[in-house]
Amino acid sequence: MRHFGHISPTVRKDLFHQEPAEFTGASPARVLAAALGATLYSPATRPQLARDIRKQAGRGVVSMVLCLEDSISDGDVVAAEENLVRQFAELDADTAELPLLFIRVRTPEQIPDLVRRLGGSARRLAGFVLPKFDESSGSAFLDAVAQAEAAYGRARLYAMPVLETPDLLHLETRVETLAGISRTVNGHRERVLALRLGVTDFCSAYGLRRTPDMTAYDVQIVAGVIADVVNVLSRADGTGFTVTGPVWEYFRSQQRLFKPQLRRSPFLAEGVEELRTALIEHDLDGLLREIELDRANGLLGKTCIHPAHVTPVHALSVVSHEEFSDAQDILRPERGGGGVMRSVYTNKMNEVKPHRAWAERTMLRAEVFGVAKEEVGFVDLLTAGLQV
């Protein structure tokens, strides 16, 4: 699979200076973690789930979570598990390229049980999403993933813990909770693909809900937690994990209190003002702002609950030609001793040692999402993705 693989090779050639690379479930974990992109959640109760997965793959989705937890009622869990077994059997008979598929469970015991019931179709499974993750519950979840992998002959089952407990949010317990999570995931480093943030649960602890005019970073208590999670768990010194962006809850037009956040000028330049209007009408201008803030705050990828959110996430994940040029310059072998230089675009300073970690992360993102041509911007990438 590859990002923007759903658009024609001719269009990709026109858009990309360096096209997104192909990857599979067997690719290195660091590549898969960077490539998750917009991870689309779907309730495991959907009766045509296999068809839905194929459909979303054709729209550019490369990772999906099939949810047995908060998205379904307690009374539907047994039926949802049975549905998953049927749907995976249908997918297993299909030769089509599928997204990376994860199952979000409720308990550790579900993990080996589901892998056993899936049988041979478990080869279509990339791993599990682990809810309410902390030190006390995390070891049992991660041990269950390892046991399921060993018992049923899977080459690799990944885990994506969700950080969403009140102890992580509350100031008096946050430091020790983060330290405990760090100890737990470091004990299973080869298995933890990425860490996900449960911002809806964070807000719930205080009876809050952000409006479509506001990003997660406008809710200060949430922004503080995100900053601390990145601080402890996503350092660029080789100890960090990929942390993904929080879910955007909105996908229909709401009554607005604030001016739209999406600038008019990029759309006028491309002659697609109607696209800007459509994005605003569907409350996606707030999403675009949040994606930019995610990346500025050290997050990569995003939890999504609606297919309309996928293409914007991926379009804003593509490395610009300017970013790529800066990263290349910083990482040149002859720059190993450090120093400062003017950027190729002559608009900034590139300082080799302080900017090196940024450059390395940018080159990894360039590998999986590609590098746009010099004259190609976000609007071009978004338009191309939406036209399919």
Protein backbone atom coordinates (compact mmCIF):
# COMPACT_ATOMS: atom_id res chain seq x y z
CA MET A 1 0.00 0.00 0.00
CA ARG A 2 1.02 3.62 -0.29
CA HIS A 3 -0.38 7.02 0.52
CA PHE A 4 -2.15 8.61 -2.45
CA GLY A 5 -2.06 5.19 -4.10
CA HIS A 6 -5.76 5.62 -4.87
CA ILE A 7 -5.06 8.43 -7.35
CA SER A 8 -3.70 7.77 -10.82
CA PRO A 9 0.07 7.49 -11.43
CA THR A 10 -0.18 10.41 -13.87
CA VAL A 11 -1.70 12.70 -11.25
CA ARG A 12 0.84 11.58 -8.64
CA LYS A 13 3.66 12.37 -11.04
CA ASP A 14 2.30 15.90 -11.45
CA LEU A 15 2.01 16.43 -7.69
CA PHE A 16 5.11 14.88 -6.19
CA HIS A 17 8.78 15.71 -6.34
CA GLN A 18 9.27 12.40 -4.46
CA GLU A 19 6.30 10.03 -4.49
CA PRO A 20 5.19 8.23 -1.31
CA ALA A 21 6.96 4.90 -0.91
CA GLU A 22 5.12 1.58 -0.83
CA PHE A 23 4.93 -0.27 2.48
CA THR A 24 3.35 -3.44 3.86
CA GLY A 25 2.46 -4.83 7.26
CA ALA A 26 5.94 -6.37 7.30
CA SER A 27 7.71 -3.01 6.91
CA PRO A 28 9.84 -1.78 9.83
CA ALA A 29 7.84 -0.53 12.80
CA ARG A 30 9.26 3.00 12.52
CA VAL A 31 7.93 3.19 8.95
CA LEU A 32 4.51 1.82 9.87
CA ALA A 33 4.20 4.19 12.83
CA ALA A 34 4.90 7.17 10.60
CA ALA A 35 2.62 5.84 7.85
CA LEU A 36 -0.54 5.32 9.95
CA GLY A 37 -1.91 8.67 8.80
CA ALA A 38 -5.62 9.13 9.36
CA THR A 39 -6.62 6.03 11.32
CA LEU A 40 -10.32 5.55 10.64
CA TYR A 41 -12.42 4.06 13.45
CA SER A 42 -15.46 1.91 12.72
CA PRO A 43 -17.85 0.11 15.11
CA ALA A 44 -17.31 -3.65 14.88
CA THR A 45 -21.08 -4.12 14.66
CA ARG A 46 -21.38 -2.86 11.08
CA PRO A 47 -23.06 -5.66 9.07
CA GLN A 48 -21.13 -4.87 5.85
CA LEU A 49 -17.82 -4.21 7.55
CA ALA A 50 -15.71 -6.09 4.98
CA ARG A 51 -17.30 -4.09 2.16
CA ASP A 52 -16.76 -0.86 4.11
CA ILE A 53 -13.06 -1.67 4.59
CA ARG A 54 -12.58 -2.31 0.87
CA LYS A 55 -14.42 0.90 0.04
CA GLN A 56 -12.26 2.99 2.36
CA ALA A 57 -9.08 1.40 1.01
CA GLY A 58 -10.17 2.64 -2.40
CA ARG A 59 -10.44 6.16 -0.94
CA GLY A 60 -6.91 6.21 0.41
CA VAL A 61 -7.33 4.88 3.96
CA VAL A 62 -4.26 2.91 5.06
CA SER A 63 -5.14 2.15 8.70
CA MET A 64 -8.43 1.31 10.42
CA VAL A 65 -9.56 0.40 13.93
CA LEU A 66 -12.53 -1.92 14.33
CA CYS A 67 -13.95 -0.98 17.71
CA LEU A 68 -15.39 -3.28 20.37
CA GLU A 69 -15.18 -0.63 23.08
CA ASP A 70 -16.78 2.80 23.47
CA SER A 71 -18.40 2.95 20.01
CA ILE A 72 -20.76 0.04 20.79
CA SER A 73 -23.06 -0.69 23.70
CA ASP A 74 -22.17 -3.22 26.38
CA GLY A 75 -24.92 -5.53 25.22
CA ASP A 76 -23.57 -5.70 21.66
CA VAL A 77 -20.07 -6.99 22.43
CA VAL A 78 -20.75 -10.69 21.83
CA ALA A 79 -22.53 -10.02 18.53
CA ALA A 80 -19.75 -7.63 17.48
CA GLU A 81 -17.08 -10.26 18.12
CA GLU A 82 -19.02 -12.78 16.06
CA ASN A 83 -19.40 -10.20 13.31
CA LEU A 84 -15.64 -9.58 13.28
CA VAL A 85 -14.96 -13.29 12.80
CA ARG A 86 -17.36 -13.41 9.83
CA GLN A 87 -16.05 -10.23 8.25
CA PHE A 88 -12.38 -11.25 8.57
CA ALA A 89 -13.20 -14.58 6.93
CA GLU A 90 -14.69 -12.65 4.01
CA LEU A 91 -11.64 -10.39 3.81
CA ASP A 92 -9.30 -13.37 3.94
CA ALA A 93 -10.77 -14.67 0.70
CA ASP A 94 -10.06 -11.34 -0.98
CA THR A 95 -6.82 -10.66 -2.85
CA ALA A 96 -7.35 -6.89 -2.73
CA GLU A 97 -4.96 -4.62 -0.89
CA LEU A 98 -6.34 -3.79 2.56
CA PRO A 99 -5.49 -1.15 5.17
CA LEU A 100 -3.63 -2.04 8.34
CA LEU A 101 -6.45 -3.42 10.52
CA PHE A 102 -6.50 -3.14 14.32
CA ILE A 103 -9.16 -4.29 16.79
CA ARG A 104 -9.93 -2.12 19.79
CA VAL A 105 -10.73 -4.49 22.66
CA ARG A 106 -12.13 -4.00 26.13
CA THR A 107 -10.18 -6.58 28.14
CA PRO A 108 -6.89 -8.46 27.78
CA GLU A 109 -8.78 -11.77 27.67
CA GLN A 110 -10.44 -10.80 24.40
CA ILE A 111 -7.11 -10.69 22.58
CA PRO A 112 -6.08 -14.38 22.50
CA ASP A 113 -9.72 -15.42 22.23
CA LEU A 114 -10.29 -13.30 19.13
CA VAL A 115 -7.06 -14.42 17.46
CA ARG A 116 -8.03 -18.06 18.09
CA ARG A 117 -11.51 -17.52 16.63
CA LEU A 118 -10.18 -15.65 13.61
CA GLY A 119 -8.02 -18.63 12.69
CA GLY A 120 -6.21 -18.21 9.40
CA SER A 121 -7.88 -14.88 8.70
CA ALA A 122 -5.86 -13.40 11.57
CA ARG A 123 -3.15 -12.84 8.97
CA ARG A 124 -5.21 -9.80 7.96
CA LEU A 125 -4.87 -8.38 11.47
CA ALA A 126 -2.11 -5.86 12.23
CA GLY A 127 -2.73 -5.69 15.97
CA PHE A 128 -4.83 -4.32 18.81
CA VAL A 129 -5.76 -0.95 20.28
CA LEU A 130 -5.60 -1.04 24.08
CA PRO A 131 -8.02 1.28 25.93
CA LYS A 132 -7.67 3.05 29.29
CA PHE A 133 -3.97 2.21 29.26
CA ASP A 134 -1.86 2.74 32.38
CA GLU A 135 0.79 0.79 34.26
CA SER A 136 -1.67 -1.37 36.17
CA SER A 137 -3.64 -2.52 33.10
CA GLY A 138 -1.00 -2.13 30.43
CA SER A 139 1.20 -5.11 31.24
CA ALA A 140 -1.75 -7.51 31.08
CA PHE A 141 -2.83 -6.10 27.72
CA LEU A 142 0.67 -6.24 26.22
CA ASP A 143 1.34 -9.73 27.59
CA ALA A 144 -1.93 -10.89 26.02
CA VAL A 145 -0.85 -9.56 22.62
CA ALA A 146 2.49 -11.37 22.92
CA GLN A 147 0.81 -14.60 24.01
CA ALA A 148 -1.68 -14.48 21.14
CA GLU A 149 1.12 -13.92 18.66
CA ALA A 150 3.13 -16.87 20.00
CA ALA A 151 0.18 -19.24 20.39
CA TYR A 152 -1.24 -18.78 16.93
CA GLY A 153 1.91 -18.35 14.88
CA ARG A 154 1.57 -14.71 13.95
CA ALA A 155 4.80 -13.06 12.77
CA ARG A 156 3.96 -9.80 14.53
CA LEU A 157 0.95 -8.31 16.28
CA TYR A 158 1.36 -4.66 17.19
CA ALA A 159 -0.23 -2.75 20.05
CA MET A 160 -1.44 0.84 20.16
CA PRO A 161 -2.20 1.91 23.75
CA VAL A 162 -4.76 4.68 24.25
CA LEU A 163 -3.81 7.20 26.93
CA GLU A 164 -7.10 8.45 28.36
CA THR A 165 -7.39 7.73 32.09
CA PRO A 166 -8.30 10.38 34.69
CA ASP A 167 -5.02 9.76 36.55
CA LEU A 168 -3.18 11.00 33.47
CA LEU A 169 -5.32 14.13 33.39
CA HIS A 170 -5.26 15.00 37.09
CA LEU A 171 -2.29 17.14 38.02
CA GLU A 172 -1.51 15.40 41.31
CA THR A 173 -1.17 11.95 39.66
CA ARG A 174 0.07 12.86 36.19
CA VAL A 175 3.82 12.59 36.73
CA GLU A 176 3.71 9.13 38.30
CA THR A 177 1.11 7.93 35.78
CA LEU A 178 3.32 9.01 32.89
CA ALA A 179 6.34 7.38 34.51
CA GLY A 180 4.38 4.14 34.90
CA ILE A 181 3.20 4.20 31.30
CA SER A 182 6.79 4.84 30.21
CA ARG A 183 8.05 1.83 32.18
CA THR A 184 5.34 -0.38 30.71
CA VAL A 185 5.71 0.53 27.04
CA ASN A 186 9.50 0.47 27.24
CA GLY A 187 9.26 -3.11 28.45
CA HIS A 188 7.47 -3.96 25.17
CA ARG A 189 9.17 -1.47 22.87
CA GLU A 190 9.29 -3.81 19.85
CA ARG A 191 5.52 -4.29 20.02
CA VAL A 192 4.20 -0.77 20.70
CA LEU A 193 3.61 0.81 17.31
CA ALA A 194 2.21 4.15 18.47
CA LEU A 195 0.49 5.82 21.41
CA ARG A 196 -2.96 7.29 20.89
CA LEU A 197 -4.61 10.12 22.87
CA GLY A 198 -8.16 9.84 24.19
CA VAL A 199 -8.98 13.54 24.30
CA THR A 200 -12.74 12.92 24.46
CA ASP A 201 -12.19 11.08 27.75
CA PHE A 202 -9.96 13.90 28.99
CA CYS A 203 -12.75 16.39 28.36
CA SER A 204 -15.32 14.07 29.92
CA ALA A 205 -13.48 14.12 33.26
CA TYR A 206 -14.33 17.83 33.54
CA GLY A 207 -17.65 17.90 31.70
CA LEU A 208 -16.09 19.70 28.73
CA ARG A 209 -16.61 19.45 24.98
CA ARG A 210 -14.85 21.64 22.45
CA THR A 211 -16.92 23.28 19.73
CA PRO A 212 -16.11 23.01 16.01
CA ASP A 213 -14.61 26.50 16.23
CA MET A 214 -11.97 25.28 18.69
CA THR A 215 -9.10 22.84 18.54
CA ALA A 216 -7.94 20.54 21.32
CA TYR A 217 -5.17 23.07 21.97
CA ASP A 218 -7.73 25.76 22.84
CA VAL A 219 -8.87 23.63 25.79
CA GLN A 220 -5.98 24.41 28.10
CA ILE A 221 -6.37 21.43 30.42
CA VAL A 222 -6.18 19.12 27.38
CA ALA A 223 -3.30 21.02 25.80
CA GLY A 224 -1.34 20.61 29.03
CA VAL A 225 -1.76 16.84 29.01
CA ILE A 226 -0.74 16.58 25.36
CA ALA A 227 2.39 18.61 26.10
CA ASP A 228 3.32 16.37 29.02
CA VAL A 229 2.71 13.15 27.07
CA VAL A 230 5.00 14.37 24.30
CA ASN A 231 7.54 15.56 26.86
CA VAL A 232 7.85 12.14 28.50
CA LEU A 233 6.97 9.67 25.75
CA SER A 234 7.92 11.20 22.40
CA ARG A 235 11.45 12.52 22.82
CA ALA A 236 13.71 12.66 19.77
CA ASP A 237 16.65 11.01 21.54
CA GLY A 238 15.78 7.48 20.46
CA THR A 239 13.61 6.72 23.50
CA GLY A 240 10.41 8.23 22.15
CA PHE A 241 7.31 6.72 20.55
CA THR A 242 5.05 8.07 17.84
CA VAL A 243 2.08 9.83 19.46
CA THR A 244 -0.96 10.34 17.22
CA GLY A 245 -3.32 13.30 17.14
CA PRO A 246 -6.71 13.36 18.90
CA VAL A 247 -10.03 12.69 17.24
CA TRP A 248 -11.96 15.48 15.51
CA GLU A 249 -15.60 14.96 16.48
CA TYR A 250 -17.44 17.09 13.93
CA PHE A 251 -18.55 16.36 10.40
CA ARG A 252 -21.70 18.41 9.86
CA SER A 253 -22.36 22.09 9.71
CA GLN A 254 -23.01 23.73 13.08
CA GLN A 255 -24.08 27.25 13.93
CA ARG A 256 -20.90 29.34 14.01
CA LEU A 257 -19.83 31.74 16.70
CA PHE A 258 -16.44 32.61 15.23
CA LYS A 259 -15.02 33.61 11.89
CA PRO A 260 -13.85 30.66 9.69
CA GLN A 261 -10.17 29.86 10.23
CA LEU A 262 -9.40 28.86 6.64
CA ARG A 263 -7.65 31.61 4.67
CA ARG A 264 -9.21 32.52 1.33
CA SER A 265 -6.02 33.28 -0.60
CA PRO A 266 -4.72 29.73 -1.28
CA PHE A 267 -8.08 28.74 -2.72
CA LEU A 268 -8.39 31.86 -4.87
CA ALA A 269 -4.93 31.19 -6.29
CA GLU A 270 -6.00 27.69 -7.30
CA GLY A 271 -9.41 28.74 -8.56
CA VAL A 272 -11.25 26.41 -6.16
CA GLU A 273 -13.07 28.82 -3.86
CA GLU A 274 -16.00 26.36 -3.82
CA LEU A 275 -13.75 23.80 -2.10
CA ARG A 276 -13.03 26.28 0.70
CA THR A 277 -16.76 26.89 1.09
CA ALA A 278 -17.45 23.16 1.29
CA LEU A 279 -14.74 22.64 3.92
CA ILE A 280 -16.17 25.44 6.07
CA GLU A 281 -19.73 24.17 5.69
CA HIS A 282 -18.64 20.75 6.96
CA ASP A 283 -16.67 22.20 9.90
CA LEU A 284 -13.38 20.99 8.42
CA ASP A 285 -11.58 24.32 8.72
CA GLY A 286 -11.21 23.61 12.45
CA LEU A 287 -9.88 20.15 11.63
CA LEU A 288 -7.25 21.61 9.30
CA ARG A 289 -6.13 24.00 12.01
CA GLU A 290 -5.90 21.17 14.54
CA ILE A 291 -3.84 18.99 12.16
CA GLU A 292 -1.30 21.79 11.80
CA LEU A 293 -1.17 22.22 15.59
CA ASP A 294 -0.78 18.46 16.04
CA ARG A 295 2.38 18.47 13.96
CA ALA A 296 3.70 21.64 15.61
CA ASN A 297 3.30 19.93 18.98
CA GLY A 298 5.06 16.69 18.01
CA LEU A 299 2.11 14.48 17.00
CA LEU A 300 1.90 12.47 13.78
CA GLY A 301 -1.23 10.91 12.31
CA LYS A 302 -4.74 11.32 13.69
CA THR A 303 -7.70 9.37 14.99
CA CYS A 304 -10.66 9.86 12.61
CA ILE A 305 -14.31 8.91 12.95
CA HIS A 306 -15.51 10.04 9.51
CA PRO A 307 -14.12 9.29 6.03
CA ALA A 308 -14.29 13.00 5.15
CA HIS A 309 -11.43 13.64 7.60
CA VAL A 310 -8.96 11.26 5.93
CA THR A 311 -7.89 13.25 2.87
CA PRO A 312 -7.24 16.50 4.80
CA VAL A 313 -5.02 14.62 7.28
CA HIS A 314 -3.03 13.04 4.47
CA ALA A 315 -2.79 16.20 2.38
CA LEU A 316 -1.34 18.11 5.33
CA SER A 317 1.08 15.26 6.08
CA VAL A 318 2.89 15.57 2.75
CA VAL A 319 6.30 17.21 3.13
CA SER A 320 6.59 20.49 1.28
CA HIS A 321 9.45 21.03 -1.15
CA GLU A 322 10.78 23.73 1.18
CA GLU A 323 10.79 21.43 4.22
CA PHE A 324 12.49 18.71 2.19
CA SER A 325 15.18 21.08 0.94
CA ASP A 326 15.93 22.26 4.47
CA ALA A 327 16.07 18.69 5.82
CA GLN A 328 18.38 17.57 3.03
CA ASP A 329 20.76 20.44 3.67
CA ILE A 330 20.85 19.81 7.41
CA LEU A 331 21.56 16.09 6.97
CA ARG A 332 24.33 16.36 4.38
CA PRO A 333 27.35 14.28 5.54
CA GLU A 334 29.67 17.24 5.27
CA ARG A 335 27.50 19.08 7.82
CA GLY A 336 28.27 16.54 10.55
CA GLY A 337 30.33 19.04 12.48
CA GLY A 338 27.48 21.50 12.82
CA GLY A 339 27.21 25.07 11.69
CA VAL A 340 24.58 27.48 10.43
CA MET A 341 23.45 28.16 6.87
CA ARG A 342 20.82 30.14 5.03
CA SER A 343 18.03 27.96 3.64
CA VAL A 344 17.73 27.26 -0.07
CA TYR A 345 14.55 29.33 -0.01
CA THR A 346 16.57 32.18 1.59
CA ASN A 347 13.91 32.79 4.23
CA LYS A 348 15.27 31.15 7.37
CA MET A 349 18.31 29.94 9.28
CA ASN A 350 19.11 26.22 9.32
CA GLU A 351 21.29 25.32 12.31
CA VAL A 352 22.63 21.81 11.80
CA LYS A 353 22.81 20.39 15.32
CA PRO A 354 19.60 21.81 16.85
CA HIS A 355 17.56 21.09 13.70
CA ARG A 356 18.91 17.60 13.05
CA ALA A 357 16.18 15.68 14.90
CA TRP A 358 13.52 17.69 13.05
CA ALA A 359 15.23 16.92 9.75
CA GLU A 360 15.35 13.19 10.48
CA ARG A 361 11.65 13.12 11.33
CA THR A 362 10.87 15.15 8.23
CA MET A 363 12.74 12.69 6.00
CA LEU A 364 10.81 9.77 7.50
CA ARG A 365 7.55 11.60 6.81
CA ALA A 366 8.80 12.33 3.29
CA GLU A 367 9.37 8.61 2.77
CA VAL A 368 5.82 7.59 3.60
CA PHE A 369 3.80 10.66 2.53
CA GLY A 370 6.02 11.96 -0.26
CA VAL A 371 7.40 15.38 -1.11
CA ALA A 372 5.28 17.87 -3.03
CA LYS A 373 6.68 19.60 -6.09
CA GLU A 374 7.85 23.13 -5.54
CA GLU A 375 4.71 24.72 -6.96
CA VAL A 376 2.29 22.21 -5.41
CA GLY A 377 0.48 23.16 -2.21
CA PHE A 378 -2.02 21.69 0.21
CA VAL A 379 -5.00 22.74 -1.92
CA ASP A 380 -3.67 20.77 -4.92
CA LEU A 381 -3.14 17.65 -2.81
CA LEU A 382 -6.54 17.95 -1.14
CA THR A 383 -8.32 18.48 -4.45
CA ALA A 384 -6.61 15.47 -6.05
CA GLY A 385 -7.49 13.23 -3.11
CA LEU A 386 -11.12 14.32 -3.00
CA GLN A 387 -11.71 13.86 -6.71
CA VAL A 388 -11.30 10.08 -6.50
